């Protein structure tokens, strides 16, 4: 489910450029990015995306991006999210932050 062209292009670019920040890069893709790919694009700091096919076009070949967009806009109840074990997870965040501060 994550082997979309945009995800592969972002992973490849990050590997080849040895960075997770793709500021200044542009992305060309066959179809309008789905929510997952859109998230990766935003996290990578890509500011310009060119696409060929629309969400409607992708729906016609079986993609279901619309239901994900509906969920993100509060129009669909397709997922249940619940917080759990926050204290343990905060400890992991703290450990991660300490290691990254030491690296720089």
Protein backbone atom coordinates (compact mmCIF):
# COMPACT_ATOMS: atom_id res chain seq x y z
CA UNK A 1 0.00 0.00 0.00
CA UNK A 2 2.95 2.42 0.35
CA UNK A 3 4.66 1.57 -2.94
CA UNK A 4 3.28 4.60 -4.75
CA UNK A 5 5.44 6.36 -7.31
CA UNK A 6 5.66 9.53 -5.25
CA UNK A 7 6.83 7.60 -2.18
CA UNK A 8 9.46 5.74 -4.19
CA UNK A 9 10.68 8.97 -5.82
CA UNK A 10 10.95 10.71 -2.45
CA UNK A 11 12.83 7.78 -0.88
CA UNK A 12 15.18 7.61 -3.86
CA UNK A 13 15.83 11.36 -3.85
CA UNK A 14 16.51 11.36 -0.11
CA UNK A 15 18.92 8.46 -0.47
CA UNK A 16 20.76 9.99 -3.43
CA UNK A 17 20.92 13.47 -1.92
CA UNK A 18 21.68 12.11 1.59
CA UNK A 19 18.97 14.25 3.18
CA UNK A 20 15.34 14.07 4.20
CA UNK A 21 14.81 17.74 3.28
CA UNK A 22 13.99 18.07 -0.40
CA UNK A 23 13.52 21.84 -0.35
CA UNK A 24 14.02 23.18 -3.85
CA UNK A 25 13.03 19.89 -5.48
CA UNK A 26 9.98 19.42 -7.69
CA UNK A 27 7.96 16.25 -8.13
CA UNK A 28 6.40 14.95 -11.35
CA UNK A 29 3.80 12.21 -10.99
CA UNK A 30 1.23 10.39 -13.08
CA UNK A 31 -1.72 11.19 -10.81
CA UNK A 32 -2.77 13.76 -8.24
CA UNK A 33 -1.12 12.62 -4.99
CA UNK A 34 -3.18 10.59 -2.55
CA UNK A 35 -3.28 11.69 1.12
CA UNK A 36 -0.34 9.42 2.04
CA UNK A 37 1.83 10.78 -0.75
CA UNK A 38 0.70 14.31 -0.01
CA UNK A 39 1.86 13.84 3.58
CA UNK A 40 5.27 12.60 2.42
CA UNK A 41 5.55 15.52 0.00
CA UNK A 42 4.84 17.98 2.81
CA UNK A 43 7.25 16.25 5.21
CA UNK A 44 9.96 16.36 2.51
CA UNK A 45 9.43 20.14 2.03
CA UNK A 46 8.65 19.77 -1.67
CA UNK A 47 6.81 22.92 -2.74
CA UNK A 48 5.87 22.11 -6.36
CA UNK A 49 4.15 19.01 -7.75
CA UNK A 50 3.10 18.38 -11.35
CA UNK A 51 0.52 15.64 -12.01
CA UNK A 52 -1.31 14.26 -15.02
CA UNK A 53 -4.47 12.43 -13.92
CA UNK A 54 -7.01 13.78 -11.42
CA UNK A 55 -8.63 12.15 -8.37
CA UNK A 56 -11.65 11.40 -10.58
CA UNK A 57 -9.43 9.67 -13.13
CA UNK A 58 -7.82 7.49 -10.44
CA UNK A 59 -11.23 6.58 -9.00
CA UNK A 60 -12.20 5.24 -12.40
CA UNK A 61 -9.38 2.67 -12.25
CA UNK A 62 -10.17 1.56 -8.69
CA UNK A 63 -8.27 3.90 -6.41
CA UNK A 64 -10.26 5.10 -3.41
CA UNK A 65 -8.54 8.34 -2.47
CA UNK A 66 -11.88 10.11 -2.03
CA UNK A 67 -12.77 8.10 1.08
CA UNK A 68 -9.46 9.09 2.68
CA UNK A 69 -10.01 12.75 1.88
CA UNK A 70 -13.53 12.39 3.31
CA UNK A 71 -12.05 10.96 6.52
CA UNK A 72 -9.54 13.81 6.79
CA UNK A 73 -12.40 16.31 6.40
CA UNK A 74 -14.51 14.57 9.07
CA UNK A 75 -17.01 13.21 6.54
CA UNK A 76 -16.24 9.48 6.90
CA UNK A 77 -15.86 7.21 9.93
CA UNK A 78 -13.42 4.61 8.61
CA UNK A 79 -10.80 4.60 11.38
CA UNK A 80 -10.68 4.61 15.16
CA UNK A 81 -7.72 6.36 16.80
CA UNK A 82 -7.02 5.85 20.52
CA UNK A 83 -4.20 7.15 22.69
CA UNK A 84 -2.35 4.53 24.75
CA UNK A 85 0.90 4.25 26.74
CA UNK A 86 1.74 7.93 26.34
CA UNK A 87 4.33 7.99 29.15
CA UNK A 88 6.34 5.19 27.54
CA UNK A 89 6.16 6.88 24.15
CA UNK A 90 7.23 10.23 25.60
CA UNK A 91 10.30 8.45 27.01
CA UNK A 92 11.15 7.23 23.50
CA UNK A 93 10.77 10.80 22.20
CA UNK A 94 13.10 12.02 24.94
CA UNK A 95 15.69 9.37 24.08
CA UNK A 96 15.43 10.28 20.38
CA UNK A 97 15.85 14.00 21.10
CA UNK A 98 18.91 13.41 23.28
CA UNK A 99 20.60 11.33 20.58
CA UNK A 100 19.88 13.90 17.89
CA UNK A 101 21.14 16.79 20.04
CA UNK A 102 24.37 14.87 20.66
CA UNK A 103 24.82 14.34 16.89
CA UNK A 104 24.86 18.06 16.13
